[in-house]
C-alpha atoms as a PDB file:
ATOM      1  CA  MET A   1     -12.914  10.882  30.812  1.00  0.00           C
ATOM      2  CA  SER A   2     -13.615  12.671  27.481  1.00  0.00           C
ATOM      3  CA  ARG A   3     -11.167  13.737  24.650  1.00  0.00           C
ATOM      4  CA  PRO A   4     -10.874  17.817  23.790  1.00  0.00           C
ATOM      5  CA  THR A   5     -13.357  18.171  20.638  1.00  0.00           C
ATOM      6  CA  LEU A   6     -11.279  19.780  17.191  1.00  0.00           C
ATOM      7  CA  THR A   7     -12.754  22.422  15.710  1.00  0.00           C
ATOM      8  CA  THR A   8     -13.342  22.070  11.769  1.00  0.00           C
ATOM      9  CA  GLU A   9     -10.190  23.687  10.755  1.00  0.00           C
ATOM     10  CA  GLN A  10      -8.255  22.047  13.773  1.00  0.00           C
ATOM     11  CA  ILE A  11      -9.530  18.501  12.211  1.00  0.00           C
ATOM     12  CA  LEU A  12      -9.150  19.436   8.380  1.00  0.00           C
ATOM     13  CA  THR A  13      -5.606  20.592   9.595  1.00  0.00           C
ATOM     14  CA  ALA A  14      -4.909  17.102  11.199  1.00  0.00           C
ATOM     15  CA  LEU A  15      -6.217  14.870   8.309  1.00  0.00           C
ATOM     16  CA  ALA A  16      -4.097  17.172   5.947  1.00  0.00           C
ATOM     17  CA  GLU A  17      -0.457  16.321   7.782  1.00  0.00           C
ATOM     18  CA  VAL A  18      -1.023  12.211   8.734  1.00  0.00           C
ATOM     19  CA  PRO A  19      -0.068  10.731   5.211  1.00  0.00           C
ATOM     20  CA  PRO A  20       3.400  13.062   4.157  1.00  0.00           C
ATOM     21  CA  HIS A  21       3.829  12.237   8.582  1.00  0.00           C
ATOM     22  CA  ILE A  22       3.872   8.872   7.489  1.00  0.00           C
ATOM     23  CA  ALA A  23       5.634   9.191   4.394  1.00  0.00           C
ATOM     24  CA  PHE A  24       8.302  10.832   6.831  1.00  0.00           C
ATOM     25  CA  LEU A  25       8.790   8.126   9.383  1.00  0.00           C
ATOM     26  CA  THR A  26       9.060   6.072   7.066  1.00  0.00           C
ATOM     27  CA  THR A  27      11.375   7.224   4.756  1.00  0.00           C
ATOM     28  CA  GLY A  28      14.861   5.094   4.185  1.00  0.00           C
ATOM     29  CA  LEU A  29      13.004   1.856   5.487  1.00  0.00           C
ATOM     30  CA  SER A  30      13.129  -0.906   3.488  1.00  0.00           C
ATOM     31  CA  GLU A  31      10.001  -2.677   2.565  1.00  0.00           C
ATOM     32  CA  VAL A  32      11.433  -6.092   4.752  1.00  0.00           C
ATOM     33  CA  GLN A  33      11.477  -3.607   7.283  1.00  0.00           C
ATOM     34  CA  LEU A  34       7.591  -1.651   6.567  1.00  0.00           C
ATOM     35  CA  HIS A  35       6.435  -5.345   6.467  1.00  0.00           C
ATOM     36  CA  ALA A  36       8.287  -6.782   9.357  1.00  0.00           C
ATOM     37  CA  ALA A  37       6.798  -6.273  12.967  1.00  0.00           C
ATOM     38  CA  PRO A  38       8.736  -4.979  15.488  1.00  0.00           C
ATOM     39  CA  SER A  39       8.323  -7.753  18.400  1.00  0.00           C
ATOM     40  CA  GLU A  40       5.828 -10.674  18.787  1.00  0.00           C
ATOM     41  CA  GLY A  41       2.340  -9.823  18.700  1.00  0.00           C
ATOM     42  CA  LYS A  42       2.990  -5.809  17.091  1.00  0.00           C
ATOM     43  CA  TRP A  43       1.868  -4.541  14.167  1.00  0.00           C
ATOM     44  CA  SER A  44       3.961  -3.880  11.123  1.00  0.00           C
ATOM     45  CA  ALA A  45       3.815  -0.605   9.456  1.00  0.00           C
ATOM     46  CA  ILE A  46       1.889  -2.354   7.182  1.00  0.00           C
ATOM     47  CA  GLU A  47      -0.354  -3.616   8.945  1.00  0.00           C
ATOM     48  CA  VAL A  48      -0.575   0.193  10.412  1.00  0.00           C
ATOM     49  CA  LEU A  49      -1.832   1.968   7.434  1.00  0.00           C
ATOM     50  CA  ALA A  50      -3.697  -0.977   6.323  1.00  0.00           C
ATOM     51  CA  HIS A  51      -6.019  -0.498   9.453  1.00  0.00           C
ATOM     52  CA  LEU A  52      -5.575   3.604   8.846  1.00  0.00           C
ATOM     53  CA  ARG A  53      -6.620   2.703   5.195  1.00  0.00           C
ATOM     54  CA  SER A  54      -9.647   1.086   6.836  1.00  0.00           C
ATOM     55  CA  CYS A  55     -10.926   3.734   9.375  1.00  0.00           C
ATOM     56  CA  ALA A  56     -10.662   6.089   6.246  1.00  0.00           C
ATOM     57  CA  ASP A  57     -12.587   3.531   3.622  1.00  0.00           C
ATOM     58  CA  VAL A  58     -15.707   3.210   6.958  1.00  0.00           C
ATOM     59  CA  TRP A  59     -15.230   6.416   8.515  1.00  0.00           C
ATOM     60  CA  GLY A  60     -14.777   8.158   5.541  1.00  0.00           C
ATOM     61  CA  ASN A  61     -17.957   6.265   3.661  1.00  0.00           C
ATOM     62  CA  CYS A  62     -19.837   7.425   6.703  1.00  0.00           C
ATOM     63  CA  ILE A  63     -18.899  11.223   5.940  1.00  0.00           C
ATOM     64  CA  VAL A  64     -20.065  10.753   2.546  1.00  0.00           C
ATOM     65  CA  THR A  65     -23.092   9.079   2.967  1.00  0.00           C
ATOM     66  CA  ILE A  66     -24.279  11.724   5.718  1.00  0.00           C
ATOM     67  CA  LEU A  67     -23.776  14.137   3.409  1.00  0.00           C
ATOM     68  CA  ASN A  68     -25.353  12.723   0.792  1.00  0.00           C
ATOM     69  CA  GLN A  69     -28.102  11.731   1.941  1.00  0.00           C
ATOM     70  CA  ASP A  70     -31.318  13.357   4.170  1.00  0.00           C
ATOM     71  CA  GLN A  71     -31.023  12.129   7.600  1.00  0.00           C
ATOM     72  CA  PRO A  72     -29.575   8.648   6.657  1.00  0.00           C
ATOM     73  CA  THR A  73     -29.198   5.284   8.622  1.00  0.00           C
ATOM     74  CA  PHE A  74     -26.861   2.956   8.173  1.00  0.00           C
ATOM     75  CA  ARG A  75     -25.519   0.022  10.206  1.00  0.00           C
ATOM     76  CA  ALA A  76     -22.035   0.334  11.827  1.00  0.00           C
ATOM     77  CA  MET A  77     -18.834  -1.765   9.955  1.00  0.00           C
ATOM     78  CA  ASP A  78     -15.698  -2.481  12.209  1.00  0.00           C
ATOM     79  CA  PRO A  79     -12.748  -1.452  10.603  1.00  0.00           C
ATOM     80  CA  ARG A  80     -10.813  -4.118  11.532  1.00  0.00           C
ATOM     81  CA  THR A  81     -13.702  -6.241  10.161  1.00  0.00           C
ATOM     82  CA  TRP A  82     -13.138  -3.990   6.851  1.00  0.00           C
ATOM     83  CA  THR A  83      -9.662  -4.859   6.555  1.00  0.00           C
ATOM     84  CA  LYS A  84     -10.045  -8.487   6.285  1.00  0.00           C
ATOM     85  CA  ARG A  85     -12.167  -8.317   3.472  1.00  0.00           C
ATOM     86  CA  THR A  86      -9.480  -6.090   1.232  1.00  0.00           C
ATOM     87  CA  ASN A  87      -5.483  -6.625   0.200  1.00  0.00           C
ATOM     88  CA  TYR A  88      -3.966  -3.907   2.370  1.00  0.00           C
ATOM     89  CA  PRO A  89      -1.880  -5.638   4.766  1.00  0.00           C
ATOM     90  CA  ASP A  90      -0.220  -7.523   1.677  1.00  0.00           C
ATOM     91  CA  LEU A  91       0.292  -4.220  -0.614  1.00  0.00           C
ATOM     92  CA  GLU A  92       3.604  -2.871  -1.471  1.00  0.00           C
ATOM     93  CA  PHE A  93       3.540   0.302   1.266  1.00  0.00           C
ATOM     94  CA  ARG A  94       4.531   3.013  -1.023  1.00  0.00           C
ATOM     95  CA  LEU A  95       1.717   2.050  -3.290  1.00  0.00           C
ATOM     96  CA  SER A  96      -0.470   1.851  -0.327  1.00  0.00           C
ATOM     97  CA  LEU A  97       0.244   5.034   0.970  1.00  0.00           C
ATOM     98  CA  GLY A  98       0.020   6.763  -2.209  1.00  0.00           C
ATOM     99  CA  ALA A  99      -3.629   5.067  -2.237  1.00  0.00           C
ATOM    100  CA  TYR A 100      -4.009   6.387   1.866  1.00  0.00           C
ATOM    101  CA  THR A 101      -2.647  10.000   0.476  1.00  0.00           C
ATOM    102  CA  TRP A 102      -5.263  10.241  -2.757  1.00  0.00           C
ATOM    103  CA  GLN A 103      -8.202   9.148  -0.465  1.00  0.00           C
ATOM    104  CA  ARG A 104      -7.246  11.524   1.974  1.00  0.00           C
ATOM    105  CA  ASN A 105      -7.208  14.254  -0.409  1.00  0.00           C
ATOM    106  CA  GLY A 106     -10.490  13.552  -2.216  1.00  0.00           C
ATOM    107  CA  LEU A 107     -12.584  13.532   2.170  1.00  0.00           C
ATOM    108  CA  LEU A 108     -10.301  17.057   2.810  1.00  0.00           C
ATOM    109  CA  ASP A 109     -11.783  17.817  -1.034  1.00  0.00           C
ATOM    110  CA  ILE A 110     -15.512  17.196   0.620  1.00  0.00           C
ATOM    111  CA  LEU A 111     -14.856  18.512   3.944  1.00  0.00           C
ATOM    112  CA  ARG A 112     -12.993  21.923   3.022  1.00  0.00           C
ATOM    113  CA  PRO A 113     -15.645  23.824   1.551  1.00  0.00           C
ATOM    114  CA  LEU A 114     -18.876  22.639   3.610  1.00  0.00           C
ATOM    115  CA  HIS A 115     -20.637  25.017   5.490  1.00  0.00           C
ATOM    116  CA  PRO A 116     -20.489  24.737   9.763  1.00  0.00           C
ATOM    117  CA  GLU A 117     -24.124  23.424   9.068  1.00  0.00           C
ATOM    118  CA  ALA A 118     -23.236  20.429   6.886  1.00  0.00           C
ATOM    119  CA  TRP A 119     -20.419  19.358   9.863  1.00  0.00           C
ATOM    120  CA  LEU A 120     -23.511  18.984  12.075  1.00  0.00           C
ATOM    121  CA  LEU A 121     -25.891  16.925   9.690  1.00  0.00           C
ATOM    122  CA  THR A 122     -26.122  13.306  11.455  1.00  0.00           C
ATOM    123  CA  ALA A 123     -27.652   9.747  10.238  1.00  0.00           C
ATOM    124  CA  THR A 124     -28.559   7.055  12.490  1.00  0.00           C
ATOM    125  CA  VAL A 125     -26.221   4.262  12.955  1.00  0.00           C
ATOM    126  CA  THR A 126     -27.509   1.421  14.005  1.00  0.00           C
ATOM    127  CA  GLY A 127     -25.655  -2.485  14.666  1.00  0.00           C
ATOM    128  CA  ALA A 128     -23.427  -1.919  18.241  1.00  0.00           C
ATOM    129  CA  GLY A 129     -26.121  -1.520  20.523  1.00  0.00           C
ATOM    130  CA  LYS A 130     -28.323   1.367  20.590  1.00  0.00           C
ATOM    131  CA  PRO A 131     -28.524   3.614  17.361  1.00  0.00           C
ATOM    132  CA  LEU A 132     -26.303   5.837  17.642  1.00  0.00           C
ATOM    133  CA  ILE A 133     -26.932   9.488  16.226  1.00  0.00           C
ATOM    134  CA  ARG A 134     -23.501  10.326  15.178  1.00  0.00           C
ATOM    135  CA  SER A 135     -22.610  13.894  12.754  1.00  0.00           C
ATOM    136  CA  VAL A 136     -20.305  15.032  10.022  1.00  0.00           C
ATOM    137  CA  HIS A 137     -17.915  16.108  12.697  1.00  0.00           C
ATOM    138  CA  PHE A 138     -18.109  12.837  14.695  1.00  0.00           C
ATOM    139  CA  TYR A 139     -16.460  10.990  12.401  1.00  0.00           C
ATOM    140  CA  ALA A 140     -14.098  13.619  10.584  1.00  0.00           C
ATOM    141  CA  HIS A 141     -13.063  14.415  14.534  1.00  0.00           C
ATOM    142  CA  TRP A 142     -13.058  10.169  15.287  1.00  0.00           C
ATOM    143  CA  LEU A 143     -10.915  10.078  12.049  1.00  0.00           C
ATOM    144  CA  ALA A 144      -8.785  12.491  13.218  1.00  0.00           C
ATOM    145  CA  HIS A 145      -7.598  11.877  16.879  1.00  0.00           C
ATOM    146  CA  HIS A 146      -7.529   8.358  15.968  1.00  0.00           C
ATOM    147  CA  GLU A 147      -5.158   8.286  13.423  1.00  0.00           C
ATOM    148  CA  LYS A 148      -2.513  10.454  16.091  1.00  0.00           C
ATOM    149  CA  THR A 149      -2.294   7.402  18.281  1.00  0.00           C
ATOM    150  CA  HIS A 150      -1.367   5.489  15.239  1.00  0.00           C
ATOM    151  CA  LEU A 151       0.850   8.184  14.070  1.00  0.00           C
ATOM    152  CA  LYS A 152       3.084   6.999  17.319  1.00  0.00           C
ATOM    153  CA  GLN A 153       3.097   3.894  17.181  1.00  0.00           C
ATOM    154  CA  ILE A 154       4.424   4.048  13.531  1.00  0.00           C
ATOM    155  CA  ARG A 155       7.109   6.418  14.863  1.00  0.00           C
ATOM    156  CA  ASN A 156       7.883   3.423  17.511  1.00  0.00           C
ATOM    157  CA  ILE A 157       8.095   1.004  14.569  1.00  0.00           C
ATOM    158  CA  ALA A 158      10.695   3.040  12.614  1.00  0.00           C
ATOM    159  CA  ASN A 159      12.918   3.799  15.802  1.00  0.00           C
ATOM    160  CA  SER A 160      12.402   0.242  16.127  1.00  0.00           C
ATOM    161  CA  HIS A 161      13.596  -1.330  12.706  1.00  0.00           C
ATOM    162  CA  ALA A 162      16.645   1.891  12.598  1.00  0.00           C
ATOM    163  CA  ASN A 163      18.236   0.719  15.623  1.00  0.00           C
ATOM    164  CA  HIS A 164      17.782  -3.058  14.544  1.00  0.00           C
ATOM    165  CA  PHE A 165      19.529  -2.358  10.976  1.00  0.00           C
ATOM    166  CA  ILE A 166      17.495  -4.888   9.043  1.00  0.00           C
ATOM    167  CA  ASP A 167      17.547  -4.992   5.211  1.00  0.00           C
END
């Protein structure tokens, strides 16, 4: 089943809303709560944020590469692999959220003024089976849709901690 395609305006709105939404959802939670998984085998809020930052790093870099090069070819990178190369899961939550917000604003500064044709620029992506053709729109849409799922996850984590009164 395919998901509906968002317009560029819907993508921009969705991408802009994520960092402040995370800030809102985690208001009042302590650093201990933000680093504590709600249950065995579940991600903590900082782990979700680390994953979101890694996706933003990887897919945002794909967007920038497509915009800066003429029909580039690059190798796919799994954001989970990228997370292992960072210290994102170990950072203080609010500082990491600040870095994520700053990065998001930078991406939006790149995407907002794009002409419609620029959203259709493509790259050939290798390393995940058959080479794929991916556009700026594809990566921005993927990022916006992917983050929506993780916002629900952060909401559930925050609700779990609020119900358990962890210091």
